Amino acid sequence: MKTIRSYSIDGQPVPMPRPRLTRQGRAFMPKEFREKLNRIRQQLRAQRGEKPELGPVKLTVRFFFARPKSMMGKKHSDYAIPKYNRPDLDNCFKTI
């Protein structure tokens, strides 16, 4: 029997930034991104425990962004609005 588990991550979706370079040429990720990534890891570990998932995995991802302030008072404000600008979807997937 298949077990279906659902996990969620609180907060605004975080796109993966480009690595930064030091003067010596070493690449690193910005501190703000590393902190957000650690918070995501902590949330997932709290939901699933320390044991990794074994076997086949199916991943369904939904990103929910905050509604822009310019759309707050618009007609049909309770409906979802597609997001076509930044951040890029592929960069959000890289974080996961």
Protein backbone atom coordinates (compact mmCIF):
# COMPACT_ATOMS: atom_id res chain seq x y z
CA MET A 1 0.00 0.00 0.00
CA LYS A 2 1.30 3.43 -0.93
CA THR A 3 1.76 5.97 1.81
CA ILE A 4 1.10 9.54 0.77
CA ARG A 5 2.78 12.17 2.87
CA SER A 6 2.35 15.87 2.51
CA TYR A 7 4.85 18.44 3.71
CA SER A 8 4.59 22.20 3.65
CA ILE A 9 7.10 24.99 4.12
CA ASP A 10 5.93 28.25 5.68
CA GLY A 11 6.99 31.59 4.30
CA GLN A 12 7.54 33.26 0.96
CA PRO A 13 9.19 31.06 -1.73
CA VAL A 14 12.93 31.66 -1.91
CA PRO A 15 14.72 31.58 -5.28
CA MET A 16 18.27 30.31 -5.34
CA PRO A 17 20.65 33.23 -6.04
CA ARG A 18 23.83 33.11 -8.05
CA PRO A 19 26.92 32.17 -6.07
CA ARG A 20 29.10 35.10 -5.05
CA LEU A 21 32.88 35.13 -5.44
CA THR A 22 35.56 36.24 -3.01
CA ARG A 23 38.64 38.13 -4.16
CA GLN A 24 40.52 34.84 -4.05
CA GLY A 25 37.98 33.27 -6.45
CA ARG A 26 36.11 31.05 -4.00
CA ALA A 27 32.37 30.73 -4.52
CA PHE A 28 29.88 31.04 -1.66
CA MET A 29 26.14 31.54 -1.20
CA PRO A 30 24.89 34.74 0.49
CA LYS A 31 24.30 34.49 4.24
CA GLU A 32 20.59 35.41 4.00
CA PHE A 33 19.97 32.51 1.60
CA ARG A 34 21.88 30.02 3.76
CA GLU A 35 19.82 31.07 6.80
CA LYS A 36 16.55 30.64 4.89
CA LEU A 37 17.69 27.27 3.60
CA ASN A 38 18.48 26.13 7.15
CA ARG A 39 14.99 27.21 8.27
CA ILE A 40 13.47 25.18 5.43
CA ARG A 41 15.51 22.12 6.46
CA GLN A 42 14.42 22.49 10.08
CA GLN A 43 10.75 22.71 9.09
CA LEU A 44 10.96 19.59 6.93
CA ARG A 45 12.87 17.60 9.56
CA ALA A 46 10.29 18.57 12.18
CA GLN A 47 7.51 17.27 9.92
CA ARG A 48 9.09 14.02 8.75
CA GLY A 49 11.67 13.24 11.41
CA GLU A 50 15.36 12.55 10.89
CA LYS A 51 14.89 9.40 8.78
CA PRO A 52 15.10 9.94 5.00
CA GLU A 53 12.36 8.69 2.69
CA LEU A 54 13.17 5.31 1.12
CA GLY A 55 11.89 4.06 -2.20
CA PRO A 56 10.25 5.90 -5.08
CA VAL A 57 9.23 9.48 -4.47
CA LYS A 58 6.72 11.63 -6.33
CA LEU A 59 7.11 15.35 -5.86
CA THR A 60 4.32 17.86 -6.44
CA VAL A 61 5.30 21.46 -5.77
CA ARG A 62 3.08 24.53 -5.44
CA PHE A 63 4.49 27.97 -4.80
CA PHE A 64 2.23 30.59 -3.24
CA PHE A 65 3.39 34.19 -3.43
CA ALA A 66 1.94 37.17 -1.60
CA ARG A 67 -0.54 39.22 -3.62
CA PRO A 68 1.00 42.50 -4.83
CA LYS A 69 -0.22 45.63 -3.08
CA SER A 70 -1.37 47.03 -6.41
CA MET A 71 -3.88 44.15 -6.71
CA MET A 72 -5.33 44.31 -3.18
CA GLY A 73 -8.40 46.40 -4.00
CA LYS A 74 -9.11 44.91 -7.42
CA LYS A 75 -12.31 43.14 -8.38
CA HIS A 76 -12.18 39.38 -7.68
CA SER A 77 -9.38 39.84 -5.17
CA ASP A 78 -10.12 36.44 -3.60
CA TYR A 79 -9.06 34.55 -6.75
CA ALA A 80 -5.55 33.36 -7.49
CA ILE A 81 -3.47 35.58 -9.75
CA PRO A 82 -0.84 33.95 -11.97
CA LYS A 83 2.69 35.22 -11.44
CA TYR A 84 4.77 35.80 -14.57
CA ASN A 85 7.62 37.96 -13.33
CA ARG A 86 10.39 37.38 -10.79
CA PRO A 87 11.46 35.12 -9.20
CA ASP A 88 12.01 32.55 -11.93
CA LEU A 89 10.29 29.25 -11.31
CA ASP A 90 13.44 27.21 -12.01
CA ASN A 91 15.34 29.12 -9.31
CA CYS A 92 12.59 28.35 -6.79
CA PHE A 93 12.85 24.65 -7.68
CA LYS A 94 16.62 24.73 -7.13
CA THR A 95 16.06 25.69 -3.50
CA ILE A 96 13.95 22.58 -2.96
